[in-house]
């Protein structure tokens, strides 16, 4: 008789543990599915943004090919102004020999 009671207790404890483990696995599976859905949304958005970046780069390359001479001319003009400004500043910052003797 005691062996039947022990068997009933064993099966009762085993069935409770199986239910608890099943619930824990279900919760873990729900979280895993939600995480995978978020990853899927993120990767789709990343692909869309990547396509838009490629389109923008292609448009910029075409613009540079069409207007390349004008851009080079504008860059040259800017370089001339910058180099002139540096030369003028260099002349202004030099000290004269008479200032050294006055001190």
PDB file of N, CA and C in Angstrom:
ATOM      1  N   UNK A   1       0.811  -1.187   0.000  1.00  0.00           N
ATOM      2  CA  UNK A   1       0.000   0.000   0.000  1.00  0.00           C
ATOM      3  C   UNK A   1       0.866   1.268   0.000  1.00  0.00           C
ATOM      4  N   UNK A   2       1.960   1.209   0.719  1.00  0.00           N
ATOM      5  CA  UNK A   2       2.822   2.388   0.767  1.00  0.00           C
ATOM      6  C   UNK A   2       3.480   2.644  -0.575  1.00  0.00           C
ATOM      7  N   UNK A   3       3.739   1.610  -1.341  1.00  0.00           N
ATOM      8  CA  UNK A   3       4.347   1.817  -2.658  1.00  0.00           C
ATOM      9  C   UNK A   3       3.379   2.516  -3.608  1.00  0.00           C
ATOM     10  N   UNK A   4       2.095   2.268  -3.494  1.00  0.00           N
ATOM     11  CA  UNK A   4       1.100   2.939  -4.321  1.00  0.00           C
ATOM     12  C   UNK A   4       1.039   4.421  -3.949  1.00  0.00           C
ATOM     13  N   UNK A   5       1.106   4.735  -2.682  1.00  0.00           N
ATOM     14  CA  UNK A   5       1.076   6.117  -2.241  1.00  0.00           C
ATOM     15  C   UNK A   5       2.335   6.833  -2.723  1.00  0.00           C
ATOM     16  N   UNK A   6       3.484   6.166  -2.635  1.00  0.00           N
ATOM     17  CA  UNK A   6       4.732   6.768  -3.120  1.00  0.00           C
ATOM     18  C   UNK A   6       4.672   7.003  -4.627  1.00  0.00           C
ATOM     19  N   UNK A   7       4.094   6.078  -5.354  1.00  0.00           N
ATOM     20  CA  UNK A   7       3.975   6.234  -6.804  1.00  0.00           C
ATOM     21  C   UNK A   7       3.045   7.398  -7.137  1.00  0.00           C
ATOM     22  N   UNK A   8       1.934   7.528  -6.389  1.00  0.00           N
ATOM     23  CA  UNK A   8       1.012   8.633  -6.630  1.00  0.00           C
ATOM     24  C   UNK A   8       1.692   9.976  -6.357  1.00  0.00           C
ATOM     25  N   UNK A   9       2.475  10.054  -5.281  1.00  0.00           N
ATOM     26  CA  UNK A   9       3.191  11.279  -4.956  1.00  0.00           C
ATOM     27  C   UNK A   9       4.213  11.584  -6.055  1.00  0.00           C
ATOM     28  N   UNK A  10       4.928  10.563  -6.500  1.00  0.00           N
ATOM     29  CA  UNK A  10       5.924  10.757  -7.575  1.00  0.00           C
ATOM     30  C   UNK A  10       5.254  11.296  -8.841  1.00  0.00           C
ATOM     31  N   UNK A  11       4.150  10.685  -9.270  1.00  0.00           N
ATOM     32  CA  UNK A  11       3.469  11.124 -10.479  1.00  0.00           C
ATOM     33  C   UNK A  11       2.853  12.519 -10.305  1.00  0.00           C
ATOM     34  N   UNK A  12       2.379  12.826  -9.104  1.00  0.00           N
ATOM     35  CA  UNK A  12       1.823  14.153  -8.848  1.00  0.00           C
ATOM     36  C   UNK A  12       2.922  15.211  -8.958  1.00  0.00           C
ATOM     37  N   UNK A  13       4.073  14.974  -8.327  1.00  0.00           N
ATOM     38  CA  UNK A  13       5.190  15.916  -8.387  1.00  0.00           C
ATOM     39  C   UNK A  13       5.724  16.021  -9.818  1.00  0.00           C
ATOM     40  N   UNK A  14       5.816  14.908 -10.512  1.00  0.00           N
ATOM     41  CA  UNK A  14       6.304  14.915 -11.898  1.00  0.00           C
ATOM     42  C   UNK A  14       5.365  15.697 -12.804  1.00  0.00           C
ATOM     43  N   UNK A  15       4.064  15.517 -12.655  1.00  0.00           N
ATOM     44  CA  UNK A  15       3.124  16.238 -13.517  1.00  0.00           C
ATOM     45  C   UNK A  15       3.131  17.729 -13.202  1.00  0.00           C
ATOM     46  N   UNK A  16       3.306  18.121 -11.956  1.00  0.00           N
ATOM     47  CA  UNK A  16       3.405  19.545 -11.631  1.00  0.00           C
ATOM     48  C   UNK A  16       4.672  20.137 -12.242  1.00  0.00           C
ATOM     49  N   UNK A  17       5.783  19.424 -12.136  1.00  0.00           N
ATOM     50  CA  UNK A  17       7.043  19.935 -12.702  1.00  0.00           C
ATOM     51  C   UNK A  17       6.966  20.014 -14.224  1.00  0.00           C
ATOM     52  N   UNK A  18       6.299  19.076 -14.862  1.00  0.00           N
ATOM     53  CA  UNK A  18       6.149  19.125 -16.316  1.00  0.00           C
ATOM     54  C   UNK A  18       5.316  20.339 -16.714  1.00  0.00           C
ATOM     55  N   UNK A  19       4.276  20.636 -15.976  1.00  0.00           N
ATOM     56  CA  UNK A  19       3.439  21.804 -16.276  1.00  0.00           C
ATOM     57  C   UNK A  19       4.242  23.087 -16.077  1.00  0.00           C
ATOM     58  N   UNK A  20       5.019  23.181 -14.981  1.00  0.00           N
ATOM     59  CA  UNK A  20       5.819  24.376 -14.714  1.00  0.00           C
ATOM     60  C   UNK A  20       6.875  24.566 -15.796  1.00  0.00           C
ATOM     61  N   UNK A  21       7.564  23.490 -16.163  1.00  0.00           N
ATOM     62  CA  UNK A  21       8.579  23.582 -17.222  1.00  0.00           C
ATOM     63  C   UNK A  21       7.921  23.959 -18.547  1.00  0.00           C
ATOM     64  N   UNK A  22       6.748  23.435 -18.827  1.00  0.00           N
ATOM     65  CA  UNK A  22       6.022  23.782 -20.047  1.00  0.00           C
ATOM     66  C   UNK A  22       5.654  25.257 -20.081  1.00  0.00           C
ATOM     67  N   UNK A  23       5.195  25.783 -18.948  1.00  0.00           N
ATOM     68  CA  UNK A  23       4.847  27.210 -18.873  1.00  0.00           C
ATOM     69  C   UNK A  23       6.093  28.070 -19.077  1.00  0.00           C
ATOM     70  N   UNK A  24       7.214  27.706 -18.434  1.00  0.00           N
ATOM     71  CA  UNK A  24       8.459  28.458 -18.590  1.00  0.00           C
ATOM     72  C   UNK A  24       8.953  28.426 -20.038  1.00  0.00           C
ATOM     73  N   UNK A  25       8.861  27.272 -20.677  1.00  0.00           N
ATOM     74  CA  UNK A  25       9.274  27.175 -22.083  1.00  0.00           C
ATOM     75  C   UNK A  25       8.359  28.009 -22.987  1.00  0.00           C
ATOM     76  N   UNK A  26       7.072  28.043 -22.664  1.00  0.00           N
ATOM     77  CA  UNK A  26       6.138  28.847 -23.448  1.00  0.00           C
ATOM     78  C   UNK A  26       6.471  30.336 -23.320  1.00  0.00           C
ATOM     79  N   UNK A  27       6.755  30.792 -22.105  1.00  0.00           N
ATOM     80  CA  UNK A  27       7.108  32.196 -21.891  1.00  0.00           C
ATOM     81  C   UNK A  27       8.402  32.523 -22.632  1.00  0.00           C
ATOM     82  N   UNK A  28       9.402  31.639 -22.525  1.00  0.00           N
ATOM     83  CA  UNK A  28      10.669  31.869 -23.222  1.00  0.00           C
ATOM     84  C   UNK A  28      10.454  31.900 -24.731  1.00  0.00           C
ATOM     85  N   UNK A  29       9.607  31.042 -25.242  1.00  0.00           N
ATOM     86  CA  UNK A  29       9.324  31.010 -26.673  1.00  0.00           C
ATOM     87  C   UNK A  29       8.624  32.289 -27.130  1.00  0.00           C
ATOM     88  N   UNK A  30       7.718  32.826 -26.315  1.00  0.00           N
ATOM     89  CA  UNK A  30       7.025  34.073 -26.656  1.00  0.00           C
ATOM     90  C   UNK A  30       8.036  35.213 -26.740  1.00  0.00           C
ATOM     91  N   UNK A  31       8.941  35.297 -25.755  1.00  0.00           N
ATOM     92  CA  UNK A  31       9.965  36.344 -25.791  1.00  0.00           C
ATOM     93  C   UNK A  31      10.893  36.181 -26.989  1.00  0.00           C
ATOM     94  N   UNK A  32      11.241  34.950 -27.321  1.00  0.00           N
ATOM     95  CA  UNK A  32      12.113  34.703 -28.477  1.00  0.00           C
ATOM     96  C   UNK A  32      11.419  35.126 -29.767  1.00  0.00           C
ATOM     97  N   UNK A  33      10.135  34.826 -29.888  1.00  0.00           N
ATOM     98  CA  UNK A  33       9.389  35.206 -31.094  1.00  0.00           C
ATOM     99  C   UNK A  33       9.306  36.721 -31.205  1.00  0.00           C
ATOM    100  N   UNK A  34       9.055  37.411 -30.102  1.00  0.00           N
ATOM    101  CA  UNK A  34       8.996  38.880 -30.137  1.00  0.00           C
ATOM    102  C   UNK A  34      10.345  39.472 -30.527  1.00  0.00           C
ATOM    103  N   UNK A  35      11.410  38.905 -29.993  1.00  0.00           N
ATOM    104  CA  UNK A  35      12.746  39.393 -30.332  1.00  0.00           C
ATOM    105  C   UNK A  35      13.043  39.179 -31.809  1.00  0.00           C
ATOM    106  N   UNK A  36      12.697  38.035 -32.337  1.00  0.00           N
ATOM    107  CA  UNK A  36      12.916  37.764 -33.763  1.00  0.00           C
ATOM    108  C   UNK A  36      12.082  38.689 -34.646  1.00  0.00           C
ATOM    109  N   UNK A  37      10.872  39.021 -34.206  1.00  0.00           N
ATOM    110  CA  UNK A  37      10.050  39.964 -34.972  1.00  0.00           C
ATOM    111  C   UNK A  37      10.686  41.346 -34.981  1.00  0.00           C
ATOM    112  N   UNK A  38      11.224  41.778 -33.841  1.00  0.00           N
ATOM    113  CA  UNK A  38      11.909  43.074 -33.796  1.00  0.00           C
ATOM    114  C   UNK A  38      13.138  43.081 -34.693  1.00  0.00           C
ATOM    115  N   UNK A  39      13.870  41.980 -34.694  1.00  0.00           N
ATOM    116  CA  UNK A  39      15.052  41.883 -35.556  1.00  0.00           C
ATOM    117  C   UNK A  39      14.631  41.935 -37.018  1.00  0.00           C
ATOM    118  N   UNK A  40      13.534  41.297 -37.365  1.00  0.00           N
ATOM    119  CA  UNK A  40      13.046  41.314 -38.742  1.00  0.00           C
ATOM    120  C   UNK A  40      12.653  42.736 -39.158  1.00  0.00           C
ATOM    121  N   UNK A  41      11.941  43.459 -38.276  1.00  0.00           N
ATOM    122  CA  UNK A  41      11.561  44.837 -38.577  1.00  0.00           C
ATOM    123  C   UNK A  41      12.793  45.713 -38.759  1.00  0.00           C
ATOM    124  N   UNK A  42      13.772  45.534 -37.883  1.00  0.00           N
ATOM    125  CA  UNK A  42      14.998  46.318 -37.961  1.00  0.00           C
ATOM    126  C   UNK A  42      15.750  46.030 -39.255  1.00  0.00           C
ATOM    127  N   UNK A  43      15.843  44.763 -39.631  1.00  0.00           N
ATOM    128  CA  UNK A  43      16.577  44.426 -40.859  1.00  0.00           C
ATOM    129  C   UNK A  43      15.844  44.948 -42.098  1.00  0.00           C
ATOM    130  N   UNK A  44      14.529  44.926 -42.086  1.00  0.00           N
ATOM    131  CA  UNK A  44      13.781  45.494 -43.220  1.00  0.00           C
ATOM    132  C   UNK A  44      14.018  46.993 -43.333  1.00  0.00           C
ATOM    133  N   UNK A  45      13.987  47.685 -42.196  1.00  0.00           N
ATOM    134  CA  UNK A  45      14.237  49.125 -42.203  1.00  0.00           C
ATOM    135  C   UNK A  45      15.661  49.408 -42.663  1.00  0.00           C
ATOM    136  N   UNK A  46      16.588  48.595 -42.221  1.00  0.00           N
ATOM    137  CA  UNK A  46      17.986  48.764 -42.615  1.00  0.00           C
ATOM    138  C   UNK A  46      18.158  48.566 -44.115  1.00  0.00           C
ATOM    139  N   UNK A  47      17.480  47.597 -44.674  1.00  0.00           N
ATOM    140  CA  UNK A  47      17.543  47.378 -46.123  1.00  0.00           C
ATOM    141  C   UNK A  47      16.956  48.561 -46.892  1.00  0.00           C
ATOM    142  N   UNK A  48      15.837  49.099 -46.418  1.00  0.00           N
ATOM    143  CA  UNK A  48      15.229  50.261 -47.086  1.00  0.00           C
ATOM    144  C   UNK A  48      16.173  51.455 -47.044  1.00  0.00           C
ATOM    145  N   UNK A  49      16.741  51.714 -45.872  1.00  0.00           N
ATOM    146  CA  UNK A  49      17.664  52.846 -45.738  1.00  0.00           C
ATOM    147  C   UNK A  49      18.910  52.642 -46.592  1.00  0.00           C
ATOM    148  N   UNK A  50      19.394  51.410 -46.653  1.00  0.00           N
ATOM    149  CA  UNK A  50      20.552  51.118 -47.496  1.00  0.00           C
ATOM    150  C   UNK A  50      20.256  51.384 -48.962  1.00  0.00           C
ATOM    151  N   UNK A  51      19.066  50.998 -49.406  1.00  0.00           N
ATOM    152  CA  UNK A  51      18.673  51.268 -50.793  1.00  0.00           C
ATOM    153  C   UNK A  51      18.580  52.765 -51.054  1.00  0.00           C
ATOM    154  N   UNK A  52      18.057  53.513 -50.088  1.00  0.00           N
ATOM    155  CA  UNK A  52      17.957  54.965 -50.257  1.00  0.00           C
ATOM    156  C   UNK A  52      19.340  55.609 -50.298  1.00  0.00           C
ATOM    157  N   UNK A  53      20.246  55.123 -49.483  1.00  0.00           N
ATOM    158  CA  UNK A  53      21.617  55.653 -49.491  1.00  0.00           C
ATOM    159  C   UNK A  53      22.272  55.371 -50.832  1.00  0.00           C
ATOM    160  N   UNK A  54      22.094  54.166 -51.357  1.00  0.00           N
ATOM    161  CA  UNK A  54      22.661  53.843 -52.666  1.00  0.00           C
ATOM    162  C   UNK A  54      22.075  54.729 -53.759  1.00  0.00           C
ATOM    163  N   UNK A  55      20.779  55.001 -53.681  1.00  0.00           N
ATOM    164  CA  UNK A  55      20.145  55.882 -54.658  1.00  0.00           C
ATOM    165  C   UNK A  55      20.724  57.294 -54.556  1.00  0.00           C
ATOM    166  N   UNK A  56      20.894  57.783 -53.328  1.00  0.00           N
ATOM    167  CA  UNK A  56      21.463  59.118 -53.136  1.00  0.00           C
ATOM    168  C   UNK A  56      22.888  59.193 -53.660  1.00  0.00           C
ATOM    169  N   UNK A  57      23.662  58.167 -53.407  1.00  0.00           N
ATOM    170  CA  UNK A  57      25.049  58.163 -53.884  1.00  0.00           C
ATOM    171  C   UNK A  57      25.090  58.129 -55.405  1.00  0.00           C
ATOM    172  N   UNK A  58      24.206  57.344 -56.004  1.00  0.00           N
ATOM    173  CA  UNK A  58      24.150  57.278 -57.467  1.00  0.00           C
ATOM    174  C   UNK A  58      23.778  58.642 -58.041  1.00  0.00           C
ATOM    175  N   UNK A  59      22.801  59.316 -57.440  1.00  0.00           N
ATOM    176  CA  UNK A  59      22.407  60.645 -57.909  1.00  0.00           C
ATOM    177  C   UNK A  59      23.552  61.642 -57.735  1.00  0.00           C
ATOM    178  N   UNK A  60      24.264  61.549 -56.630  1.00  0.00           N
ATOM    179  CA  UNK A  60      25.383  62.469 -56.397  1.00  0.00           C
ATOM    180  C   UNK A  60      26.489  62.231 -57.420  1.00  0.00           C
ATOM    181  N   UNK A  61      26.765  60.980 -57.737  1.00  0.00           N
ATOM    182  CA  UNK A  61      27.790  60.675 -58.737  1.00  0.00           C
ATOM    183  C   UNK A  61      27.402  61.213 -60.105  1.00  0.00           C
ATOM    184  N   UNK A  62      26.118  61.054 -60.460  1.00  0.00           N
ATOM    185  CA  UNK A  62      25.665  61.575 -61.746  1.00  0.00           C
ATOM    186  C   UNK A  62      25.763  63.100 -61.777  1.00  0.00           C
ATOM    187  N   UNK A  63      25.418  63.748 -60.687  1.00  0.00           N
ATOM    188  CA  UNK A  63      25.510  65.203 -60.613  1.00  0.00           C
ATOM    189  C   UNK A  63      26.959  65.649 -60.750  1.00  0.00           C
ATOM    190  N   UNK A  64      27.850  64.950 -60.083  1.00  0.00           N
ATOM    191  CA  UNK A  64      29.274  65.308 -60.159  1.00  0.00           C
ATOM    192  C   UNK A  64      29.800  65.092 -61.573  1.00  0.00           C
ATOM    193  N   UNK A  65      29.352  64.031 -62.224  1.00  0.00           N
ATOM    194  CA  UNK A  65      29.783  63.794 -63.600  1.00  0.00           C
ATOM    195  C   UNK A  65      29.296  64.913 -64.524  1.00  0.00           C
ATOM    196  N   UNK A  66      28.069  65.374 -64.319  1.00  0.00           N
ATOM    197  CA  UNK A  66      27.523  66.425 -65.170  1.00  0.00           C
ATOM    198  C   UNK A  66      28.138  67.786 -64.850  1.00  0.00           C
ATOM    199  N   UNK A  67      28.290  68.091 -63.594  1.00  0.00           N
ATOM    200  CA  UNK A  67      28.737  69.413 -63.167  1.00  0.00           C
ATOM    201  C   UNK A  67      30.177  69.393 -62.656  1.00  0.00           C
ATOM    202  N   UNK A  68      30.943  68.401 -63.019  1.00  0.00           N
ATOM    203  CA  UNK A  68      32.298  68.247 -62.508  1.00  0.00           C
ATOM    204  C   UNK A  68      33.195  69.424 -62.798  1.00  0.00           C
ATOM    205  N   UNK A  69      33.135  69.974 -63.993  1.00  0.00           N
ATOM    206  CA  UNK A  69      33.967  71.128 -64.351  1.00  0.00           C
ATOM    207  C   UNK A  69      33.618  72.345 -63.516  1.00  0.00           C
ATOM    208  N   UNK A  70      32.348  72.557 -63.288  1.00  0.00           N
ATOM    209  CA  UNK A  70      31.920  73.705 -62.485  1.00  0.00           C
ATOM    210  C   UNK A  70      32.367  73.541 -61.034  1.00  0.00           C
ATOM    211  N   UNK A  71      32.315  72.334 -60.535  1.00  0.00           N
ATOM    212  CA  UNK A  71      32.742  72.093 -59.157  1.00  0.00           C
ATOM    213  C   UNK A  71      34.238  72.326 -59.028  1.00  0.00           C
ATOM    214  N   UNK A  72      35.003  71.863 -59.999  1.00  0.00           N
ATOM    215  CA  UNK A  72      36.447  72.071 -59.968  1.00  0.00           C
ATOM    216  C   UNK A  72      36.780  73.555 -60.023  1.00  0.00           C
ATOM    217  N   UNK A  73      36.046  74.315 -60.833  1.00  0.00           N
ATOM    218  CA  UNK A  73      36.274  75.753 -60.923  1.00  0.00           C
ATOM    219  C   UNK A  73      35.944  76.422 -59.594  1.00  0.00           C
ATOM    220  N   UNK A  74      34.845  76.055 -58.995  1.00  0.00           N
ATOM    221  CA  UNK A  74      34.455  76.633 -57.702  1.00  0.00           C
ATOM    222  C   UNK A  74      35.477  76.290 -56.635  1.00  0.00           C
ATOM    223  N   UNK A  75      35.984  75.086 -56.660  1.00  0.00           N
ATOM    224  CA  UNK A  75      37.002  74.685 -55.694  1.00  0.00           C
ATOM    225  C   UNK A  75      38.267  75.490 -55.898  1.00  0.00           C
ATOM    226  N   UNK A  76      38.637  75.723 -57.133  1.00  0.00           N
ATOM    227  CA  UNK A  76      39.827  76.529 -57.413  1.00  0.00           C
ATOM    228  C   UNK A  76      39.680  77.953 -56.919  1.00  0.00           C
ATOM    229  N   UNK A  77      38.501  78.536 -57.113  1.00  0.00           N
ATOM    230  CA  UNK A  77      38.258  79.900 -56.649  1.00  0.00           C
ATOM    231  C   UNK A  77      38.359  79.955 -55.121  1.00  0.00           C
ATOM    232  N   UNK A  78      37.778  79.003 -54.469  1.00  0.00           N
ATOM    233  CA  UNK A  78      37.837  78.969 -52.999  1.00  0.00           C
ATOM    234  C   UNK A  78      39.279  78.820 -52.532  1.00  0.00           C
ATOM    235  N   UNK A  79      40.037  77.979 -53.179  1.00  0.00           N
ATOM    236  CA  UNK A  79      41.448  77.805 -52.801  1.00  0.00           C
ATOM    237  C   UNK A  79      42.228  79.100 -52.981  1.00  0.00           C
ATOM    238  N   UNK A  80      41.934  79.843 -54.045  1.00  0.00           N
ATOM    239  CA  UNK A  80      42.639  81.115 -54.266  1.00  0.00           C
ATOM    240  C   UNK A  80      42.343  82.102 -53.148  1.00  0.00           C
ATOM    241  N   UNK A  81      41.072  82.199 -52.759  1.00  0.00           N
ATOM    242  CA  UNK A  81      40.724  83.116 -51.680  1.00  0.00           C
ATOM    243  C   UNK A  81      41.357  82.699 -50.357  1.00  0.00           C
ATOM    244  N   UNK A  82      41.387  81.432 -50.096  1.00  0.00           N
ATOM    245  CA  UNK A  82      41.979  80.947 -48.849  1.00  0.00           C
ATOM    246  C   UNK A  82      43.475  81.213 -48.835  1.00  0.00           C
ATOM    247  N   UNK A  83      44.147  80.946 -49.947  1.00  0.00           N
ATOM    248  CA  UNK A  83      45.590  81.167 -49.976  1.00  0.00           C
ATOM    249  C   UNK A  83      45.923  82.652 -49.884  1.00  0.00           C
ATOM    250  N   UNK A  84      45.105  83.521 -50.454  1.00  0.00           N
ATOM    251  CA  UNK A  84      45.333  84.970 -50.344  1.00  0.00           C
ATOM    252  C   UNK A  84      45.163  85.423 -48.900  1.00  0.00           C
ATOM    253  N   UNK A  85      44.161  84.891 -48.235  1.00  0.00           N
ATOM    254  CA  UNK A  85      43.917  85.261 -46.840  1.00  0.00           C
ATOM    255  C   UNK A  85      45.067  84.836 -45.946  1.00  0.00           C
ATOM    256  N   UNK A  86      45.649  83.708 -46.198  1.00  0.00           N
ATOM    257  CA  UNK A  86      46.767  83.233 -45.388  1.00  0.00           C
ATOM    258  C   UNK A  86      48.003  84.105 -45.602  1.00  0.00           C
ATOM    259  N   UNK A  87      48.249  84.530 -46.831  1.00  0.00           N
ATOM    260  CA  UNK A  87      49.409  85.368 -47.106  1.00  0.00           C
ATOM    261  C   UNK A  87      49.270  86.708 -46.424  1.00  0.00           C
ATOM    262  N   UNK A  88      48.064  87.289 -46.448  1.00  0.00           N
ATOM    263  CA  UNK A  88      47.850  88.583 -45.811  1.00  0.00           C
ATOM    264  C   UNK A  88      48.030  88.471 -44.302  1.00  0.00           C
ATOM    265  N   UNK A  89      47.537  87.426 -43.718  1.00  0.00           N
ATOM    266  CA  UNK A  89      47.674  87.245 -42.275  1.00  0.00           C
ATOM    267  C   UNK A  89      49.130  87.064 -41.895  1.00  0.00           C
ATOM    268  N   UNK A  90      49.880  86.384 -42.717  1.00  0.00           N
ATOM    269  CA  UNK A  90      51.296  86.168 -42.428  1.00  0.00           C
ATOM    270  C   UNK A  90      52.044  87.488 -42.436  1.00  0.00           C
ATOM    271  N   UNK A  91      51.708  88.398 -43.354  1.00  0.00           N
ATOM    272  CA  UNK A  91      52.377  89.696 -43.417  1.00  0.00           C
ATOM    273  C   UNK A  91      52.023  90.548 -42.213  1.00  0.00           C
ATOM    274  N   UNK A  92      50.817  90.495 -41.740  1.00  0.00           N
ATOM    275  CA  UNK A  92      50.366  91.323 -40.635  1.00  0.00           C
ATOM    276  C   UNK A  92      50.986  90.857 -39.317  1.00  0.00           C
ATOM    277  N   UNK A  93      51.182  89.600 -39.146  1.00  0.00           N
ATOM    278  CA  UNK A  93      51.640  89.083 -37.858  1.00  0.00           C
ATOM    279  C   UNK A  93      53.144  89.225 -37.652  1.00  0.00           C
ATOM    280  N   UNK A  94      53.915  89.538 -38.693  1.00  0.00           N
ATOM    281  CA  UNK A  94      55.358  89.696 -38.502  1.00  0.00           C
ATOM    282  C   UNK A  94      55.628  90.993 -37.765  1.00  0.00           C
ATOM    283  N   UNK A  95      56.628  90.970 -36.904  1.00  0.00           N
ATOM    284  CA  UNK A  95      56.968  92.181 -36.149  1.00  0.00           C
ATOM    285  C   UNK A  95      58.108  92.914 -36.863  1.00  0.00           C
ATOM    286  N   UNK A  96      58.109  94.218 -36.727  1.00  0.00           N
ATOM    287  CA  UNK A  96      59.151  95.032 -37.369  1.00  0.00           C
ATOM    288  C   UNK A  96      60.335  95.154 -36.407  1.00  0.00           C
ATOM    289  N   UNK A  97      61.544  95.396 -36.923  1.00  0.00           N
ATOM    290  CA  UNK A  97      62.706  95.500 -36.041  1.00  0.00           C
ATOM    291  C   UNK A  97      62.643  96.702 -35.115  1.00  0.00           C
ATOM    292  N   UNK A  98      61.909  97.753 -35.482  1.00  0.00           N
ATOM    293  CA  UNK A  98      61.849  98.939 -34.624  1.00  0.00           C
ATOM    294  C   UNK A  98      61.027  98.671 -33.371  1.00  0.00           C
ATOM    295  N   UNK A  99      60.049  97.777 -33.447  1.00  0.00           N
ATOM    296  CA  UNK A  99      59.265  97.467 -32.273  1.00  0.00           C
ATOM    297  C   UNK A  99      60.098  96.738 -31.225  1.00  0.00           C
ATOM    298  N   UNK A 100      61.029  95.905 -31.652  1.00  0.00           N
ATOM    299  CA  UNK A 100      61.861  95.169 -30.717  1.00  0.00           C
ATOM    300  C   UNK A 100      62.787  96.129 -29.944  1.00  0.00           C
ATOM    301  N   UNK A 101      63.273  97.170 -30.600  1.00  0.00           N
ATOM    302  CA  UNK A 101      64.201  98.070 -29.956  1.00  0.00           C
ATOM    303  C   UNK A 101      63.496  99.035 -28.996  1.00  0.00           C
ATOM    304  N   UNK A 102      62.234  99.296 -29.196  1.00  0.00           N
ATOM    305  CA  UNK A 102      61.497 100.225 -28.345  1.00  0.00           C
ATOM    306  C   UNK A 102      61.297  99.624 -26.961  1.00  0.00           C
ATOM    307  N   UNK A 103      61.090  98.359 -26.883  1.00  0.00           N
ATOM    308  CA  UNK A 103      60.845  97.717 -25.576  1.00  0.00           C
ATOM    309  C   UNK A 103      62.060  97.826 -24.767  1.00  0.00           C
TER     310      UNK A 103
END
